[in-house]
Protein backbone atom coordinates (compact mmCIF):
# COMPACT_ATOMS: atom_id res chain seq x y z
CA MET A 1 8.25 6.32 -80.50
CA VAL A 2 5.06 8.35 -79.99
CA SER A 3 5.26 12.05 -79.10
CA PHE A 4 2.53 14.32 -77.80
CA ASP A 5 2.31 18.09 -78.11
CA VAL A 6 1.13 19.12 -74.68
CA SER A 7 1.96 22.80 -75.07
CA SER A 8 -1.00 25.14 -74.90
CA ASP A 9 -1.87 27.54 -77.73
CA ASN A 10 -3.43 29.77 -75.11
CA GLU A 11 -0.63 32.08 -74.06
CA THR A 12 -2.74 33.43 -71.25
CA GLU A 13 -2.67 30.19 -69.28
CA GLY A 14 -2.11 30.47 -65.54
CA ALA A 15 1.23 30.31 -63.87
CA ASP A 16 0.71 26.67 -62.92
CA GLY A 17 0.46 25.61 -66.55
CA GLY A 18 -3.26 24.87 -66.25
CA ALA A 19 -6.37 26.92 -66.85
CA PRO A 20 -6.23 30.69 -66.99
CA ALA A 21 -6.57 32.48 -63.74
CA GLY A 22 -10.13 33.34 -62.86
CA PRO A 23 -11.38 36.19 -60.75
CA HIS A 24 -9.97 34.52 -57.66
CA GLY A 25 -6.66 33.61 -59.26
CA PRO A 26 -5.45 30.19 -60.52
CA HIS A 27 -6.15 28.51 -57.20
CA GLY A 28 -9.85 29.39 -57.00
CA PRO A 29 -11.62 31.06 -54.10
CA ALA A 30 -9.89 29.02 -51.42
CA GLY A 31 -6.55 30.60 -52.12
CA PRO A 32 -3.21 28.95 -52.89
CA GLY A 33 -2.51 25.68 -51.12
CA GLN A 34 -5.90 25.45 -49.39
CA GLY A 35 -7.34 21.92 -49.70
CA ASP A 36 -4.33 20.61 -51.67
CA GLY A 37 -2.27 17.67 -50.51
CA TRP A 38 1.41 17.70 -49.62
CA PHE A 39 2.50 16.38 -53.00
CA VAL A 40 0.54 19.04 -54.98
CA ARG A 41 1.79 21.88 -52.80
CA ARG A 42 5.43 20.84 -52.44
CA VAL A 43 6.12 19.05 -55.74
CA GLY A 44 3.38 19.53 -58.35
CA ARG A 45 2.91 23.30 -58.31
CA PRO A 46 6.64 24.28 -58.25
CA ALA A 47 7.27 21.87 -61.13
CA ALA A 48 4.35 23.35 -63.09
CA ARG A 49 5.76 26.87 -62.77
CA ARG A 50 9.09 25.70 -64.15
CA TRP A 51 7.27 23.80 -66.93
CA SER A 52 5.48 26.90 -68.15
CA ALA A 53 8.81 28.56 -68.84
CA VAL A 54 10.02 25.76 -71.13
CA PRO A 55 9.64 26.31 -74.95
CA ARG A 56 6.88 24.25 -76.59
CA ARG A 57 9.29 22.18 -78.75
CA ALA A 58 11.32 21.25 -75.69
CA ARG A 59 8.08 20.26 -73.95
CA ARG A 60 7.25 17.81 -76.77
CA ILE A 61 10.69 16.18 -76.56
CA THR A 62 10.51 16.00 -72.80
CA VAL A 63 7.07 14.37 -72.77
CA THR A 64 8.25 11.81 -75.34
CA ALA A 65 11.04 10.80 -72.99
CA THR A 66 8.67 10.89 -70.04
CA ALA A 67 6.30 8.48 -71.75
CA ALA A 68 9.15 6.02 -72.15
CA VAL A 69 10.03 6.46 -68.50
CA LEU A 70 6.40 5.80 -67.55
CA VAL A 71 6.46 2.55 -69.53
CA LEU A 72 9.63 1.54 -67.71
CA GLY A 73 8.09 2.67 -64.45
CA THR A 74 5.07 0.46 -65.00
CA GLY A 75 7.40 -2.46 -65.53
CA ALA A 76 9.25 -1.53 -62.38
CA ALA A 77 5.98 -1.42 -60.44
CA VAL A 78 5.12 -4.89 -61.70
CA ALA A 79 8.60 -6.04 -60.70
CA VAL A 80 8.15 -4.59 -57.21
CA ASP A 81 4.75 -6.28 -56.89
CA HIS A 82 6.29 -9.56 -58.02
CA HIS A 83 9.10 -9.10 -55.50
CA LEU A 84 6.59 -8.54 -52.69
CA ASP A 85 4.61 -11.62 -53.75
CA THR A 86 7.81 -13.65 -53.83
CA GLU A 87 8.88 -12.31 -50.45
CA HIS A 88 5.46 -13.18 -48.99
CA ALA A 89 5.58 -16.71 -50.45
CA GLU A 90 9.10 -17.33 -49.16
CA ARG A 91 8.22 -16.06 -45.68
CA LEU A 92 5.09 -18.24 -45.43
CA ALA A 93 6.89 -21.27 -46.86
CA ALA A 94 9.50 -20.98 -44.10
CA ALA A 95 6.96 -20.30 -41.34
CA PRO A 96 5.68 -23.12 -39.11
CA GLY A 97 2.12 -23.84 -40.23
CA GLY A 98 2.48 -21.31 -43.03
CA VAL A 99 0.58 -21.75 -46.31
CA VAL A 100 1.21 -19.34 -49.17
CA ASP A 101 -2.44 -18.76 -50.12
CA LEU A 102 -5.68 -19.62 -48.31
CA SER A 103 -7.84 -16.93 -49.93
CA ALA A 104 -10.16 -19.46 -51.64
CA PRO A 105 -11.62 -22.86 -50.70
CA VAL A 106 -9.17 -25.72 -51.10
CA GLU A 107 -9.79 -29.13 -52.60
CA PRO A 108 -7.67 -32.29 -52.97
CA THR A 109 -5.05 -32.03 -55.68
CA TRP A 110 -3.26 -35.32 -55.07
CA GLU A 111 -3.22 -38.24 -52.66
CA VAL A 112 -1.09 -41.26 -51.81
CA ALA A 113 -1.64 -44.20 -49.47
CA SER A 114 -0.21 -43.37 -46.04
CA ASP A 115 -0.31 -45.09 -42.66
CA HIS A 116 1.07 -42.30 -40.47
CA GLY A 117 1.03 -39.07 -42.49
CA VAL A 118 4.17 -36.95 -42.79
CA LEU A 119 7.02 -38.60 -40.89
CA ALA A 120 9.85 -36.39 -42.11
CA VAL A 121 10.60 -33.52 -44.47
CA LEU A 122 13.53 -33.64 -46.89
CA PRO A 123 15.13 -30.69 -48.72
CA GLY A 124 13.14 -29.24 -51.60
CA GLY A 125 9.71 -29.70 -50.06
CA VAL A 126 9.73 -33.50 -50.18
CA VAL A 127 7.85 -35.48 -47.52
CA VAL A 128 8.38 -39.04 -46.30
CA THR A 129 5.58 -41.43 -45.33
CA THR A 130 4.96 -45.17 -45.08
CA ALA A 131 2.28 -47.31 -46.72
CA GLY A 132 2.12 -50.98 -45.81
CA SER A 133 5.62 -52.41 -46.15
CA GLU A 134 6.94 -49.44 -48.14
CA VAL A 135 8.54 -46.12 -47.35
CA LEU A 136 8.13 -43.44 -50.00
CA ALA A 137 9.01 -39.82 -50.65
CA VAL A 138 6.73 -37.46 -52.60
CA GLU A 139 6.75 -33.78 -53.49
CA ALA A 140 4.49 -31.74 -51.20
CA ALA A 141 3.49 -29.47 -54.08
CA SER A 142 2.33 -32.13 -56.54
CA GLY A 143 2.43 -35.55 -54.89
CA ALA A 144 4.91 -36.69 -57.53
CA GLU A 145 6.87 -39.69 -56.31
CA VAL A 146 10.57 -39.08 -55.74
CA TRP A 147 11.58 -42.55 -54.53
CA ARG A 148 10.18 -45.68 -52.87
CA HIS A 149 11.58 -48.74 -51.04
CA ASP A 150 9.91 -51.94 -49.88
CA LEU A 151 11.38 -52.65 -46.42
CA GLY A 152 9.14 -55.42 -45.13
CA VAL A 153 6.58 -55.56 -42.36
CA GLN A 154 6.01 -52.87 -39.74
CA PRO A 155 8.24 -50.11 -41.12
CA ASP A 156 8.93 -47.32 -38.63
CA CYS A 157 10.83 -44.33 -40.02
CA GLY A 158 12.19 -41.13 -38.50
CA PRO A 159 13.22 -39.27 -36.54
CA ARG A 160 9.63 -38.12 -36.73
CA GLN A 161 9.14 -34.40 -37.16
CA ARG A 162 6.06 -34.01 -34.99
CA THR A 163 5.83 -30.25 -34.50
CA PRO A 164 5.21 -27.40 -36.97
CA ALA A 165 8.62 -26.01 -36.03
CA ASP A 166 10.36 -29.30 -36.86
CA LEU A 167 8.61 -29.51 -40.24
CA THR A 168 10.39 -26.31 -41.35
CA ARG A 169 13.83 -27.87 -40.78
CA PRO A 170 14.47 -30.57 -43.42
CA VAL A 171 16.63 -33.58 -42.56
CA ASP A 172 19.23 -35.05 -44.90
CA ARG A 173 18.52 -38.72 -44.15
CA ILE A 174 16.03 -40.98 -42.47
CA VAL A 175 16.36 -44.17 -40.46
CA CYS A 176 13.81 -46.98 -40.80
CA LEU A 177 13.26 -50.08 -38.67
CA SER A 178 11.35 -52.98 -40.22
CA GLY A 179 10.70 -56.68 -39.83
CA ALA A 180 9.30 -58.79 -36.98
CA PRO A 181 10.25 -60.04 -34.51
CA SER A 182 13.85 -59.25 -35.47
CA ARG A 183 14.29 -55.69 -36.69
CA THR A 184 16.45 -54.44 -39.56
CA VAL A 185 17.63 -50.86 -39.61
CA THR A 186 17.93 -49.10 -42.99
CA VAL A 187 19.45 -45.66 -43.58
CA VAL A 188 18.23 -43.72 -46.64
CA ASP A 189 19.53 -40.34 -47.79
CA ALA A 190 17.43 -37.51 -49.24
CA SER A 191 17.94 -38.72 -52.82
CA GLY A 192 16.62 -42.19 -51.93
CA ASP A 193 19.97 -43.99 -51.92
CA VAL A 194 20.27 -46.70 -49.26
CA LEU A 195 23.39 -45.90 -47.23
CA GLY A 196 23.43 -49.09 -45.19
CA GLN A 197 21.49 -51.81 -43.36
CA ARG A 198 22.02 -54.08 -40.34
CA ASP A 199 20.06 -56.46 -38.12
CA ILE A 200 19.57 -55.27 -34.51
CA GLY A 201 17.62 -58.27 -33.23
CA PRO A 202 14.16 -58.39 -31.62
CA ALA A 203 12.82 -55.01 -30.46
CA ALA A 204 9.43 -53.46 -29.84
CA THR A 205 8.60 -50.21 -31.63
CA THR A 206 5.06 -49.17 -30.75
CA GLN A 207 4.43 -47.03 -27.70
CA ASP A 208 2.17 -49.68 -26.15
CA GLU A 209 4.90 -52.29 -26.39
CA GLN A 210 7.47 -49.87 -25.00
CA MET A 211 5.32 -48.86 -22.06
CA ALA A 212 4.16 -52.28 -20.89
CA GLY A 213 5.55 -55.71 -21.56
CA GLN A 214 3.94 -59.05 -20.87
CA GLY A 215 4.73 -59.13 -17.16
CA ASP A 216 7.98 -59.76 -15.31
CA GLY A 217 10.88 -60.02 -17.70
CA HIS A 218 13.15 -58.18 -20.10
CA VAL A 219 11.89 -55.42 -22.41
CA ARG A 220 13.81 -54.12 -25.44
CA ALA A 221 12.57 -51.34 -27.68
CA ALA A 222 14.07 -49.33 -30.53
CA VAL A 223 13.09 -46.23 -32.49
CA PRO A 224 14.76 -44.23 -35.29
CA ALA A 225 16.78 -41.33 -33.89
CA ALA A 226 18.39 -38.15 -35.18
CA GLY A 227 21.63 -37.96 -37.12
CA GLY A 228 21.49 -41.43 -38.67
CA ALA A 229 21.14 -43.18 -35.30
CA VAL A 230 18.83 -45.64 -33.60
CA ALA A 231 17.74 -45.32 -29.96
CA VAL A 232 17.63 -48.59 -28.01
CA LEU A 233 15.93 -49.03 -24.62
CA GLU A 234 16.86 -51.98 -22.40
CA ARG A 235 14.92 -52.47 -19.18
CA SER A 236 13.08 -54.94 -17.02
CA ASP A 237 9.33 -55.24 -16.84
CA LEU A 238 7.68 -55.43 -13.44
CA VAL A 239 4.01 -55.68 -12.51
CA LEU A 240 2.95 -54.54 -9.03
CA ASP A 241 -0.24 -54.50 -7.00
CA SER A 242 -1.85 -51.10 -7.58
CA ALA A 243 -2.74 -50.66 -3.90
CA ILE A 244 0.80 -50.85 -2.50
CA SER A 245 2.74 -47.75 -1.55
CA PRO A 246 5.90 -46.57 -3.34
CA ALA A 247 7.96 -47.70 -0.35
CA GLU A 248 6.48 -51.21 -0.55
CA ALA A 249 7.02 -51.23 -4.32
CA PHE A 250 10.66 -50.29 -3.87
CA ALA A 251 11.12 -53.20 -1.48
CA VAL A 252 9.76 -55.55 -4.17
CA LEU A 253 12.05 -53.98 -6.75
CA GLU A 254 15.05 -54.48 -4.44
CA GLU A 255 14.17 -58.15 -4.10
CA HIS A 256 14.23 -58.49 -7.88
CA ARG A 257 17.56 -56.67 -7.99
CA ALA A 258 19.02 -59.16 -5.52
CA GLU A 259 17.72 -62.03 -7.64
CA GLY A 260 19.17 -60.51 -10.79
CA THR A 261 15.72 -60.19 -12.43
CA TRP A 262 15.58 -56.38 -12.41
CA ARG A 263 17.58 -54.06 -14.65
CA ASP A 264 17.32 -50.27 -14.41
CA PRO A 265 16.34 -48.62 -17.72
CA VAL A 266 19.26 -48.01 -20.08
CA LEU A 267 19.02 -45.66 -23.07
CA ARG A 268 21.64 -46.24 -25.73
CA ILE A 269 22.16 -44.23 -28.93
CA GLU A 270 23.78 -46.34 -31.66
CA ASP A 271 25.03 -45.45 -35.11
CA ALA A 272 22.33 -46.96 -37.29
CA ARG A 273 24.75 -48.41 -39.85
CA THR A 274 27.69 -49.54 -37.72
CA GLY A 275 26.18 -50.12 -34.28
CA GLU A 276 28.83 -47.92 -32.65
CA VAL A 277 27.54 -46.57 -29.32
CA ARG A 278 27.42 -42.77 -29.42
CA ALA A 279 25.95 -42.26 -25.95
CA GLU A 280 24.50 -44.32 -23.10
CA GLU A 281 22.67 -43.38 -19.91
CA THR A 282 21.18 -45.46 -17.09
CA LEU A 283 18.26 -44.29 -14.97
CA GLU A 284 18.94 -45.54 -11.44
CA VAL A 285 15.53 -46.09 -9.86
CA GLY A 286 15.21 -45.02 -6.24
CA ARG A 287 12.44 -45.12 -3.65
CA ASP A 288 11.22 -41.55 -4.34
CA ASP A 289 11.18 -42.11 -8.10
CA LEU A 290 8.41 -44.69 -7.82
CA GLU A 291 5.97 -42.00 -6.65
CA GLY A 292 5.61 -41.05 -10.30
CA CYS A 293 4.32 -44.52 -11.24
CA GLY A 294 0.79 -44.00 -9.94
CA LEU A 295 1.11 -46.56 -7.16
CA GLY A 296 -1.59 -46.34 -4.49
CA SER A 297 -3.61 -43.85 -6.54
CA TRP A 298 -5.50 -46.24 -8.82
CA SER A 299 -7.31 -48.27 -6.20
CA ASP A 300 -7.32 -48.76 -2.45
CA GLU A 301 -8.34 -52.36 -2.97
CA PRO A 302 -5.67 -55.01 -3.58
CA GLY A 303 -5.83 -57.05 -6.75
CA GLY A 304 -5.30 -54.27 -9.31
CA GLN A 305 -2.11 -54.14 -11.35
CA VAL A 306 0.29 -51.37 -12.27
CA TRP A 307 3.14 -51.74 -14.74
CA LEU A 308 6.29 -49.75 -14.11
CA THR A 309 6.08 -47.79 -17.33
CA ALA A 310 8.63 -46.22 -19.64
CA HIS A 311 8.27 -44.08 -22.71
CA LEU A 312 10.89 -43.69 -25.43
CA GLY A 313 10.57 -40.96 -28.04
CA ALA A 314 12.91 -39.48 -30.64
CA GLU A 315 12.74 -36.25 -32.60
CA PRO A 316 15.28 -34.28 -34.65
CA ALA A 317 16.72 -32.50 -31.61
CA GLY A 318 17.35 -35.70 -29.63
CA THR A 319 15.88 -38.67 -27.79
CA ALA A 320 13.91 -38.68 -24.53
CA LEU A 321 13.36 -41.50 -22.04
CA SER A 322 10.93 -41.13 -19.14
CA PHE A 323 10.34 -43.75 -16.48
CA CYS A 324 7.96 -43.05 -13.58
CA GLY A 325 9.56 -40.03 -11.87
CA LEU A 326 12.78 -40.13 -13.85
CA GLY A 327 13.80 -38.77 -17.21
CA VAL A 328 16.82 -38.24 -19.43
CA TRP A 329 17.44 -36.47 -22.73
CA ILE A 330 20.26 -37.28 -25.12
CA ALA A 331 20.71 -34.57 -27.72
CA ALA A 332 21.52 -35.34 -31.34
CA ASP A 333 25.18 -34.50 -30.63
CA GLY A 334 25.32 -37.03 -27.75
CA THR A 335 25.04 -34.51 -24.91
CA VAL A 336 23.14 -35.90 -21.90
CA GLN A 337 20.88 -33.65 -19.85
CA ASP A 338 17.88 -33.86 -17.55
CA ALA A 339 15.55 -31.39 -19.31
CA PHE A 340 13.83 -32.07 -22.62
CA PRO A 341 14.36 -29.05 -24.92
CA ARG A 342 11.97 -28.37 -27.80
CA ARG A 343 12.45 -26.21 -30.88
CA THR A 344 10.14 -23.18 -30.87
CA VAL A 345 8.39 -21.67 -33.87
CA ASP A 346 10.81 -18.72 -33.60
CA GLY A 347 13.91 -20.93 -33.73
CA ASP A 348 14.78 -20.90 -30.02
CA LEU A 349 14.78 -23.88 -27.68
CA LEU A 350 12.44 -24.13 -24.70
CA GLU A 351 12.54 -26.32 -21.63
CA TYR A 352 9.69 -26.87 -19.19
CA THR A 353 11.07 -26.72 -15.66
CA GLU A 354 9.70 -26.44 -12.12
CA GLU A 355 10.37 -22.69 -12.23
CA GLY A 356 8.52 -22.18 -15.52
CA THR A 357 9.55 -22.26 -19.18
CA ARG A 358 13.18 -21.59 -20.01
CA ILE A 359 13.80 -19.94 -23.38
CA ILE A 360 17.27 -20.73 -24.75
CA SER A 361 18.24 -18.38 -27.55
CA GLY A 362 22.00 -18.97 -27.73
CA ASP A 363 25.04 -20.72 -26.29
CA ASP A 364 25.39 -18.32 -23.35
CA ALA A 365 23.22 -19.44 -20.42
CA ASP A 366 23.20 -15.85 -19.14
CA ASP A 367 21.00 -14.98 -22.12
CA ASP A 368 18.35 -17.53 -21.14
CA VAL A 369 14.98 -16.20 -20.02
CA VAL A 370 12.65 -18.07 -17.65
CA LEU A 371 8.98 -17.27 -18.12
CA PRO A 372 6.42 -18.11 -15.43
CA GLY A 373 4.09 -20.96 -16.24
CA PHE A 374 3.77 -23.03 -19.38
CA VAL A 375 4.46 -21.55 -22.83
CA LEU A 376 1.90 -22.60 -25.45
CA GLU A 377 3.52 -22.98 -28.85
CA PRO A 378 1.25 -21.98 -31.77
CA HIS A 379 0.45 -24.48 -34.49
CA ALA A 380 0.85 -21.80 -37.16
CA THR A 381 2.56 -18.43 -37.63
CA ASP A 382 3.05 -15.96 -40.46
CA GLY A 383 6.82 -15.92 -40.01
CA THR A 384 6.97 -12.95 -37.64
CA GLU A 385 8.53 -13.34 -34.18
CA GLY A 386 6.83 -13.47 -30.80
CA PRO A 387 5.57 -12.70 -28.33
CA PHE A 388 5.41 -15.87 -26.23
CA VAL A 389 1.92 -16.82 -25.05
CA ALA A 390 1.69 -18.84 -21.84
CA HIS A 391 -0.38 -20.06 -18.93
CA ASP A 392 1.24 -17.82 -16.32
CA GLY A 393 1.00 -20.25 -13.39
CA ASP A 394 -1.87 -18.34 -11.77
CA GLY A 395 -4.53 -19.67 -14.14
CA ALA A 396 -4.40 -16.71 -16.52
CA LEU A 397 -3.22 -16.32 -20.09
CA ALA A 398 -0.30 -13.95 -20.58
CA ALA A 399 2.07 -12.71 -23.25
CA PHE A 400 5.78 -12.02 -22.75
CA ASP A 401 8.38 -10.41 -24.98
CA ARG A 402 11.82 -11.91 -25.59
CA SER A 403 13.29 -10.19 -22.53
CA GLY A 404 10.66 -11.79 -20.30
CA GLU A 405 8.63 -8.62 -19.76
CA ARG A 406 4.92 -9.25 -19.34
CA LEU A 407 2.95 -7.50 -22.09
CA TRP A 408 -0.58 -8.37 -21.00
CA THR A 409 -2.62 -10.76 -18.87
CA LYS A 410 -6.11 -12.08 -19.55
CA ASP A 411 -8.26 -14.14 -17.21
CA MET A 412 -9.41 -16.99 -19.45
CA THR A 413 -9.07 -20.75 -19.78
CA VAL A 414 -7.10 -21.76 -22.85
CA TRP A 415 -6.29 -25.25 -24.06
CA ASP A 416 -4.22 -24.48 -27.11
CA VAL A 417 -2.82 -21.70 -29.30
CA LEU A 418 -3.78 -22.39 -32.91
CA ALA A 419 -2.26 -19.41 -34.68
CA ARG A 420 -0.14 -16.33 -34.07
CA ALA A 421 -0.40 -14.27 -37.23
CA GLY A 422 -1.62 -10.99 -38.66
CA GLY A 423 -1.43 -9.32 -35.24
CA THR A 424 -3.89 -11.86 -33.79
CA VAL A 425 -3.45 -14.88 -31.55
CA VAL A 426 -6.16 -17.52 -31.99
CA VAL A 427 -6.80 -19.75 -28.98
CA SER A 428 -9.13 -22.64 -28.22
CA GLY A 429 -10.79 -22.85 -24.85
CA GLU A 430 -14.04 -23.40 -23.07
CA ALA A 431 -17.30 -24.47 -24.74
CA SER A 432 -15.50 -25.81 -27.83
CA GLY A 433 -14.95 -22.27 -29.01
CA LEU A 434 -12.20 -20.25 -30.66
CA THR A 435 -11.21 -16.73 -29.64
CA GLY A 436 -9.10 -14.15 -31.43
CA LEU A 437 -7.04 -11.84 -29.22
CA ASP A 438 -5.07 -8.75 -30.16
CA LEU A 439 -1.48 -9.95 -30.00
CA ALA A 440 -0.20 -6.62 -28.71
CA THR A 441 -2.80 -5.93 -26.00
CA GLY A 442 -4.68 -9.18 -25.28
CA GLU A 443 -7.98 -7.48 -26.09
CA GLU A 444 -10.65 -9.86 -27.39
CA LEU A 445 -11.27 -9.21 -31.09
CA TRP A 446 -13.78 -11.97 -31.77
CA SER A 447 -15.17 -15.23 -30.47
CA ARG A 448 -16.71 -18.24 -32.25
CA ASP A 449 -18.54 -20.91 -30.26
CA ASP A 450 -20.79 -21.99 -33.12
CA LEU A 451 -18.36 -23.95 -35.26
CA VAL A 452 -19.25 -27.42 -33.98
CA GLU A 453 -23.00 -26.81 -34.19
CA GLY A 454 -24.45 -29.01 -36.90
CA ALA A 455 -21.16 -30.86 -37.23
CA GLY A 456 -21.69 -33.58 -34.69
CA GLY A 457 -21.84 -31.11 -31.80
CA TYR A 458 -18.68 -32.27 -30.09
CA GLY A 459 -14.94 -31.79 -30.10
CA VAL A 460 -12.74 -28.73 -30.30
CA PRO A 461 -11.93 -27.03 -33.62
CA GLY A 462 -8.24 -27.12 -34.37
CA THR A 463 -7.34 -30.29 -32.48
CA GLY A 464 -6.14 -31.64 -35.83
CA GLY A 465 -3.83 -28.66 -36.30
CA ALA A 466 -4.10 -25.24 -37.89
CA VAL A 467 -2.50 -23.36 -40.80
CA THR A 468 -2.41 -19.72 -41.84
CA ASP A 469 -1.46 -17.45 -44.72
CA GLY A 470 -1.24 -14.41 -42.45
CA THR A 471 -4.78 -13.27 -43.26
CA VAL A 472 -6.91 -16.30 -42.40
CA VAL A 473 -6.51 -19.33 -40.16
CA ALA A 474 -7.81 -22.71 -41.37
CA VAL A 475 -8.82 -25.42 -38.90
CA VAL A 476 -10.55 -28.78 -39.02
CA VAL A 477 -13.97 -28.78 -37.34
CA PRO A 478 -14.62 -32.22 -35.80
CA GLY A 479 -17.77 -34.28 -35.94
CA ASP A 480 -18.77 -34.24 -39.59
CA PRO A 481 -15.33 -32.98 -40.54
CA ARG A 482 -14.94 -29.87 -42.60
CA LEU A 483 -12.16 -27.38 -43.11
CA VAL A 484 -13.07 -23.82 -42.12
CA ALA A 485 -11.08 -20.66 -42.83
CA LEU A 486 -11.63 -17.75 -40.45
CA ASP A 487 -10.60 -14.14 -40.96
CA LEU A 488 -7.89 -13.37 -38.42
CA ALA A 489 -9.10 -9.80 -37.97
CA ASP A 490 -12.78 -10.39 -37.19
CA GLY A 491 -13.32 -14.16 -37.00
CA SER A 492 -15.81 -14.26 -39.87
CA THR A 493 -15.93 -17.38 -42.02
CA ARG A 494 -14.08 -16.79 -45.26
CA TRP A 495 -14.91 -20.22 -46.65
CA SER A 496 -15.74 -23.76 -45.65
CA ALA A 497 -14.83 -26.98 -47.48
CA ASP A 498 -16.14 -30.48 -46.91
CA GLY A 499 -13.54 -32.62 -45.18
CA GLU A 500 -12.73 -36.29 -45.29
CA ALA A 501 -11.81 -38.21 -42.15
CA ALA A 502 -8.94 -35.81 -41.63
CA THR A 503 -6.93 -36.35 -38.47
CA GLY A 504 -4.21 -33.80 -39.04
CA LEU A 505 -3.31 -30.68 -41.03
CA VAL A 506 0.30 -29.81 -41.74
CA ALA A 507 2.08 -27.21 -43.84
CA VAL A 508 5.22 -28.15 -45.73
CA ASP A 509 7.18 -25.62 -47.78
CA GLY A 510 4.08 -23.40 -48.01
CA HIS A 511 1.79 -26.23 -49.16
CA LEU A 512 -1.22 -27.59 -47.27
CA LEU A 513 -1.43 -31.33 -46.57
CA GLU A 514 -3.95 -33.39 -44.61
CA HIS A 515 -3.72 -36.93 -43.28
CA ASP A 516 -6.72 -39.23 -43.22
CA ALA A 517 -5.65 -42.02 -40.86
CA GLY A 518 -8.44 -44.33 -41.96
CA GLY A 519 -10.73 -46.38 -39.77
CA ILE A 520 -12.83 -43.32 -38.93
CA PRO A 521 -16.37 -43.48 -40.38
CA SER A 522 -17.24 -40.29 -42.24
CA GLY A 523 -19.88 -39.24 -44.74
CA GLY A 524 -21.73 -42.54 -44.45
CA ARG A 525 -18.71 -44.65 -45.37
CA SER A 526 -17.91 -47.82 -43.49
CA ALA A 527 -14.81 -47.76 -41.30
CA ALA A 528 -13.74 -51.01 -42.94
CA THR A 529 -13.50 -49.30 -46.33
CA VAL A 530 -11.48 -46.27 -45.24
CA GLU A 531 -7.77 -46.44 -46.09
CA GLY A 532 -5.13 -44.12 -44.73
CA VAL A 533 -4.10 -41.45 -47.21
CA LEU A 534 -1.98 -38.32 -47.35
CA ARG A 535 -3.52 -35.55 -49.47
CA GLY A 536 -2.36 -32.30 -50.93
CA LEU A 537 -4.91 -29.47 -50.81
CA GLY A 538 -4.87 -26.43 -53.03
């Protein structure tokens, strides 16, 4: 223990324990309290007066103890700082598009072969992807392999977590379809254990095959669905002359019905392992529904062809089927409904309706809020809530709070919201530029229309996604791809890093990943030599 004698041998020291009083007193010419801060006036000076009355030996003992307290206090300050750092890291790791630290340029830290990038996120920051005939799981932080299975040709695994909001909600198992033409379904849990397999017969999986068959005939498609299920679409394929009206097309469809060669689209959700049907819904096609098929709008001249198209898509919340003017959604729990809800970055559900965007925040429908226009979900946030940013239906950009109250309106054309963080909302719009708006007022803080100059001169920054650490936003600039980090407050370039043929940025558990789909010439390389990879950046 070290002690210090801080008592003065000058018994004529001033009343505040400091220097002797001068001609203007201990406080100098300004007088007591003038120019001093609150702490000096209300805490320091009263304590000094009491200190001067304490005997010198007691002062030495007291200061010895105080020094120990200061050492402990320094440790406490470090602990508080560590706590704040930990709190920041945890908040960003849980935020859609959130990366813990983007203060310095990033570079590849690991990479694995990957055909489709991140398909799903498992607990513990593990991501699932496919490469050739294999499905594999790796740690987002290090790229370390967790498990791998060879499933055969054309593996298709999911349900795919396509949005930043979905990527923050890990799934406990994935479903894979593989093989051709007959498909085998395989269910794998988070640890890599195969829970079961079964053959489901021939089925198309790609969107092109789902949307258009080979002409008149039967079409069957299947995709991995939520909750250890597989979604199966059964329908008939029908090719019509593009110049006929919907009424004429319906007459043709009715003829096929009478002949038994037309089947209305059926969506069926099956247990992936057992085949048990969890839910089934048929879209009964009527005359008015065919107006959504594009008939009569492609060409006035006969001879063109239009396929009656369908699209099947699954995500963690459920499975959607759309066919011309019809649509159905089957939630993961088997509930059937007309609207297609999506998970928001704030944890709510939203539905796009004819009246606007419905925000569903709980089980009570009375608590729902309908906002005018089309809500634009940000690619990245810093973990703080709202407000909602939307096209308001009148061609303007607007922000609304959770009660539906309009906070501000700005007359500008916006294509996408890249980030909502640090009190700024970053949007992409006209002239391939990015604009930063004050989140509270809508006031323009900065604008950048120079990012694509010298980088191929085309495209819109951020179309491959965006990430943020709450201070900067990082986006891919197209053309000669590079990753650019912009200060959220003033739009200045913090750093720029050479990119590969990156086609998508994602954040998983606070870590930054990019997918290079391959087949995109970049940096003088031949498209034939580019292989799809998933990279970690840090």
